[in-house]
Amino acid sequence: MASAGGSSELRWITILLRVLLVTFLLALLSFAVCLLLGIVGLVTTAVVRGGHPNMVVAYREIAFPAAMVAAAAALVAAIVMEVRHCRHEGSELRSM
């Protein structure tokens, strides 16, 4: 009986770790993409206006907020996918 409880606890820990890892990786990826797009946009704007781009804006006002929004969306999506997966596994076990 103790092994079943330990196995269940281990399963929930691995689910939590998977959700957090996916969230972190997607946030990091979205930060990189948004930073690239922000830098390209700032350089383009600077060339058109004839000034110097302020690259701090790309980090603070473009990439970081976009990455936080993407992280929140990734967290919700990962939780929903894990819940669906757990429910699907439970229904397969019950049908056997």
N, C-alpha and C. Protein backbone atom coordinates (compact mmCIF):
# COMPACT_ATOMS: atom_id res chain seq x y z
N MET A 1 0.83 -1.19 0.00
CA MET A 1 0.00 0.00 0.00
C MET A 1 0.87 1.24 0.00
N ALA A 2 1.99 1.22 0.71
CA ALA A 2 2.86 2.38 0.77
C ALA A 2 3.50 2.66 -0.58
N SER A 3 3.78 1.60 -1.35
CA SER A 3 4.41 1.80 -2.65
C SER A 3 3.45 2.47 -3.62
N ALA A 4 2.15 2.17 -3.52
CA ALA A 4 1.18 2.80 -4.41
C ALA A 4 1.09 4.29 -4.13
N GLY A 5 1.12 4.68 -2.86
CA GLY A 5 1.08 6.10 -2.51
C GLY A 5 2.34 6.82 -2.95
N GLY A 6 3.48 6.17 -2.79
CA GLY A 6 4.75 6.76 -3.22
C GLY A 6 4.80 6.90 -4.73
N SER A 7 4.27 5.92 -5.44
CA SER A 7 4.25 5.96 -6.90
C SER A 7 3.35 7.09 -7.39
N SER A 8 2.22 7.27 -6.74
CA SER A 8 1.31 8.35 -7.11
C SER A 8 1.94 9.72 -6.85
N GLU A 9 2.65 9.82 -5.71
CA GLU A 9 3.31 11.08 -5.39
C GLU A 9 4.43 11.37 -6.39
N LEU A 10 5.17 10.34 -6.77
CA LEU A 10 6.24 10.50 -7.75
C LEU A 10 5.67 10.92 -9.10
N ARG A 11 4.53 10.35 -9.44
CA ARG A 11 3.88 10.70 -10.71
C ARG A 11 3.49 12.17 -10.74
N TRP A 12 2.94 12.69 -9.66
CA TRP A 12 2.54 14.10 -9.62
C TRP A 12 3.76 15.02 -9.65
N ILE A 13 4.85 14.58 -9.04
CA ILE A 13 6.07 15.39 -9.08
C ILE A 13 6.61 15.45 -10.50
N THR A 14 6.60 14.31 -11.21
CA THR A 14 7.09 14.33 -12.59
C THR A 14 6.19 15.15 -13.50
N ILE A 15 4.89 15.13 -13.25
CA ILE A 15 3.96 15.97 -14.03
C ILE A 15 4.28 17.44 -13.78
N LEU A 16 4.49 17.81 -12.53
CA LEU A 16 4.82 19.19 -12.20
C LEU A 16 6.12 19.62 -12.87
N LEU A 17 7.12 18.75 -12.80
CA LEU A 17 8.41 19.08 -13.43
C LEU A 17 8.28 19.22 -14.94
N ARG A 18 7.49 18.35 -15.56
CA ARG A 18 7.27 18.44 -17.01
C ARG A 18 6.59 19.74 -17.39
N VAL A 19 5.57 20.12 -16.63
CA VAL A 19 4.84 21.36 -16.90
C VAL A 19 5.76 22.57 -16.75
N LEU A 20 6.55 22.59 -15.70
CA LEU A 20 7.45 23.72 -15.48
C LEU A 20 8.56 23.77 -16.53
N LEU A 21 9.07 22.63 -16.94
CA LEU A 21 10.12 22.60 -17.96
C LEU A 21 9.59 23.08 -19.31
N VAL A 22 8.42 22.62 -19.70
CA VAL A 22 7.82 23.06 -20.96
C VAL A 22 7.54 24.56 -20.91
N THR A 23 7.02 25.04 -19.79
CA THR A 23 6.74 26.47 -19.64
C THR A 23 8.02 27.29 -19.76
N PHE A 24 9.07 26.87 -19.08
CA PHE A 24 10.33 27.59 -19.13
C PHE A 24 10.92 27.61 -20.53
N LEU A 25 10.91 26.47 -21.21
CA LEU A 25 11.48 26.40 -22.55
C LEU A 25 10.70 27.25 -23.55
N LEU A 26 9.38 27.22 -23.46
CA LEU A 26 8.58 28.04 -24.37
C LEU A 26 8.73 29.53 -24.07
N ALA A 27 8.86 29.89 -22.80
CA ALA A 27 9.10 31.30 -22.45
C ALA A 27 10.45 31.76 -22.96
N LEU A 28 11.46 30.91 -22.83
CA LEU A 28 12.80 31.25 -23.32
C LEU A 28 12.81 31.38 -24.84
N LEU A 29 12.14 30.49 -25.52
CA LEU A 29 12.05 30.57 -26.97
C LEU A 29 11.31 31.82 -27.42
N SER A 30 10.21 32.13 -26.76
CA SER A 30 9.45 33.33 -27.14
C SER A 30 10.24 34.60 -26.83
N PHE A 31 11.02 34.59 -25.74
CA PHE A 31 11.88 35.74 -25.43
C PHE A 31 12.89 35.96 -26.54
N ALA A 32 13.52 34.88 -26.99
CA ALA A 32 14.53 35.00 -28.04
C ALA A 32 13.93 35.51 -29.35
N VAL A 33 12.79 34.96 -29.73
CA VAL A 33 12.15 35.39 -30.98
C VAL A 33 11.68 36.83 -30.88
N CYS A 34 11.05 37.20 -29.77
CA CYS A 34 10.57 38.57 -29.61
C CYS A 34 11.73 39.56 -29.52
N LEU A 35 12.83 39.15 -28.92
CA LEU A 35 14.00 40.02 -28.86
C LEU A 35 14.56 40.25 -30.26
N LEU A 36 14.64 39.20 -31.05
CA LEU A 36 15.11 39.34 -32.42
C LEU A 36 14.20 40.27 -33.21
N LEU A 37 12.90 40.07 -33.10
CA LEU A 37 11.96 40.92 -33.83
C LEU A 37 12.01 42.36 -33.31
N GLY A 38 12.18 42.53 -32.01
CA GLY A 38 12.28 43.87 -31.44
C GLY A 38 13.52 44.60 -31.92
N ILE A 39 14.64 43.90 -31.97
CA ILE A 39 15.88 44.51 -32.46
C ILE A 39 15.76 44.88 -33.93
N VAL A 40 15.21 43.99 -34.73
CA VAL A 40 15.02 44.29 -36.15
C VAL A 40 14.09 45.49 -36.32
N GLY A 41 13.02 45.54 -35.55
CA GLY A 41 12.10 46.67 -35.63
C GLY A 41 12.74 47.97 -35.18
N LEU A 42 13.50 47.94 -34.11
CA LEU A 42 14.16 49.16 -33.63
C LEU A 42 15.22 49.66 -34.60
N VAL A 43 15.99 48.75 -35.18
CA VAL A 43 17.01 49.14 -36.15
C VAL A 43 16.35 49.71 -37.41
N THR A 44 15.28 49.07 -37.85
CA THR A 44 14.56 49.58 -39.02
C THR A 44 14.01 50.97 -38.75
N THR A 45 13.41 51.17 -37.59
CA THR A 45 12.87 52.48 -37.23
C THR A 45 13.98 53.51 -37.14
N ALA A 46 15.11 53.14 -36.58
CA ALA A 46 16.24 54.07 -36.46
C ALA A 46 16.79 54.46 -37.82
N VAL A 47 16.85 53.50 -38.74
CA VAL A 47 17.34 53.80 -40.08
C VAL A 47 16.38 54.74 -40.80
N VAL A 48 15.10 54.48 -40.68
CA VAL A 48 14.10 55.33 -41.35
C VAL A 48 14.11 56.74 -40.78
N ARG A 49 14.22 56.86 -39.46
CA ARG A 49 14.19 58.18 -38.82
C ARG A 49 15.56 58.85 -38.81
N GLY A 50 16.61 58.11 -39.08
CA GLY A 50 17.94 58.68 -39.11
C GLY A 50 18.56 58.88 -37.74
N GLY A 51 18.19 58.07 -36.77
CA GLY A 51 18.73 58.19 -35.42
C GLY A 51 19.43 56.93 -34.98
N HIS A 52 19.73 56.86 -33.70
CA HIS A 52 20.37 55.68 -33.12
C HIS A 52 19.33 54.89 -32.33
N PRO A 53 19.31 53.56 -32.50
CA PRO A 53 18.33 52.77 -31.76
C PRO A 53 18.73 52.60 -30.30
N ASN A 54 17.75 52.63 -29.43
CA ASN A 54 17.96 52.37 -28.01
C ASN A 54 17.60 50.90 -27.76
N MET A 55 18.61 50.07 -27.68
CA MET A 55 18.39 48.62 -27.58
C MET A 55 17.79 48.18 -26.25
N VAL A 56 17.86 49.02 -25.24
CA VAL A 56 17.26 48.68 -23.95
C VAL A 56 15.75 48.51 -24.11
N VAL A 57 15.17 49.26 -25.03
CA VAL A 57 13.73 49.17 -25.29
C VAL A 57 13.38 47.77 -25.78
N ALA A 58 14.25 47.16 -26.58
CA ALA A 58 13.97 45.82 -27.10
C ALA A 58 13.85 44.80 -25.97
N TYR A 59 14.68 44.96 -24.94
CA TYR A 59 14.61 44.03 -23.81
C TYR A 59 13.43 44.35 -22.89
N ARG A 60 13.37 45.58 -22.43
CA ARG A 60 12.43 45.96 -21.37
C ARG A 60 10.98 46.07 -21.83
N GLU A 61 10.78 46.61 -23.01
CA GLU A 61 9.40 46.94 -23.41
C GLU A 61 8.84 46.02 -24.48
N ILE A 62 9.67 45.18 -25.06
CA ILE A 62 9.17 44.31 -26.13
C ILE A 62 9.32 42.84 -25.73
N ALA A 63 10.55 42.38 -25.56
CA ALA A 63 10.81 40.95 -25.38
C ALA A 63 10.34 40.42 -24.03
N PHE A 64 10.65 41.12 -22.95
CA PHE A 64 10.30 40.59 -21.63
C PHE A 64 8.79 40.51 -21.41
N PRO A 65 8.02 41.57 -21.70
CA PRO A 65 6.56 41.42 -21.52
C PRO A 65 5.95 40.36 -22.43
N ALA A 66 6.44 40.26 -23.66
CA ALA A 66 5.92 39.24 -24.57
C ALA A 66 6.25 37.84 -24.05
N ALA A 67 7.44 37.68 -23.49
CA ALA A 67 7.83 36.37 -22.94
C ALA A 67 6.98 36.01 -21.73
N MET A 68 6.63 36.98 -20.91
CA MET A 68 5.78 36.71 -19.75
C MET A 68 4.38 36.28 -20.17
N VAL A 69 3.84 36.93 -21.19
CA VAL A 69 2.53 36.54 -21.70
C VAL A 69 2.60 35.13 -22.30
N ALA A 70 3.66 34.86 -23.06
CA ALA A 70 3.82 33.53 -23.64
C ALA A 70 4.02 32.48 -22.55
N ALA A 71 4.73 32.81 -21.48
CA ALA A 71 4.93 31.87 -20.39
C ALA A 71 3.61 31.54 -19.70
N ALA A 72 2.78 32.55 -19.50
CA ALA A 72 1.47 32.30 -18.89
C ALA A 72 0.62 31.42 -19.78
N ALA A 73 0.63 31.69 -21.08
CA ALA A 73 -0.14 30.86 -22.01
C ALA A 73 0.42 29.44 -22.07
N ALA A 74 1.72 29.31 -22.05
CA ALA A 74 2.34 27.98 -22.09
C ALA A 74 2.04 27.20 -20.82
N LEU A 75 2.02 27.88 -19.68
CA LEU A 75 1.71 27.21 -18.42
C LEU A 75 0.29 26.66 -18.44
N VAL A 76 -0.65 27.48 -18.89
CA VAL A 76 -2.05 27.03 -18.96
C VAL A 76 -2.19 25.88 -19.95
N ALA A 77 -1.55 26.00 -21.11
CA ALA A 77 -1.64 24.95 -22.13
C ALA A 77 -1.01 23.65 -21.63
N ALA A 78 0.13 23.73 -20.95
CA ALA A 78 0.78 22.53 -20.45
C ALA A 78 -0.06 21.85 -19.37
N ILE A 79 -0.68 22.63 -18.51
CA ILE A 79 -1.54 22.05 -17.47
C ILE A 79 -2.74 21.37 -18.10
N VAL A 80 -3.36 22.02 -19.08
CA VAL A 80 -4.52 21.42 -19.75
C VAL A 80 -4.13 20.12 -20.44
N MET A 81 -2.99 20.11 -21.11
CA MET A 81 -2.55 18.90 -21.80
C MET A 81 -2.25 17.76 -20.81
N GLU A 82 -1.65 18.08 -19.68
CA GLU A 82 -1.36 17.05 -18.68
C GLU A 82 -2.64 16.50 -18.05
N VAL A 83 -3.60 17.37 -17.80
CA VAL A 83 -4.88 16.92 -17.23
C VAL A 83 -5.59 16.01 -18.23
N ARG A 84 -5.59 16.40 -19.50
CA ARG A 84 -6.21 15.55 -20.52
C ARG A 84 -5.50 14.20 -20.60
N HIS A 85 -4.19 14.22 -20.54
CA HIS A 85 -3.42 12.98 -20.61
C HIS A 85 -3.74 12.08 -19.42
N CYS A 86 -3.82 12.65 -18.24
CA CYS A 86 -4.13 11.86 -17.04
C CYS A 86 -5.54 11.29 -17.10
N ARG A 87 -6.48 12.08 -17.58
CA ARG A 87 -7.86 11.57 -17.71
C ARG A 87 -7.95 10.46 -18.73
N HIS A 88 -7.20 10.63 -19.83
CA HIS A 88 -7.22 9.60 -20.88
C HIS A 88 -6.61 8.30 -20.37
N GLU A 89 -5.52 8.39 -19.63
CA GLU A 89 -4.92 7.19 -19.04
C GLU A 89 -5.87 6.52 -18.05
N GLY A 90 -6.57 7.32 -17.26
CA GLY A 90 -7.51 6.78 -16.28
C GLY A 90 -8.68 6.07 -16.95
N SER A 91 -9.18 6.62 -18.06
CA SER A 91 -10.30 5.97 -18.75
C SER A 91 -9.85 4.69 -19.44
N GLU A 92 -8.61 4.62 -19.91
CA GLU A 92 -8.11 3.39 -20.50
C GLU A 92 -7.96 2.30 -19.45
N LEU A 93 -7.51 2.66 -18.25
CA LEU A 93 -7.36 1.66 -17.19
C LEU A 93 -8.71 1.14 -16.73
N ARG A 94 -9.70 2.01 -16.67
CA ARG A 94 -11.04 1.58 -16.23
C ARG A 94 -11.72 0.68 -17.24
N SER A 95 -11.44 0.88 -18.53
CA SER A 95 -12.11 0.09 -19.57
C SER A 95 -11.53 -1.34 -19.68
N MET A 96 -10.35 -1.57 -19.10
CA MET A 96 -9.73 -2.90 -19.19
C MET A 96 -10.39 -3.85 -18.28
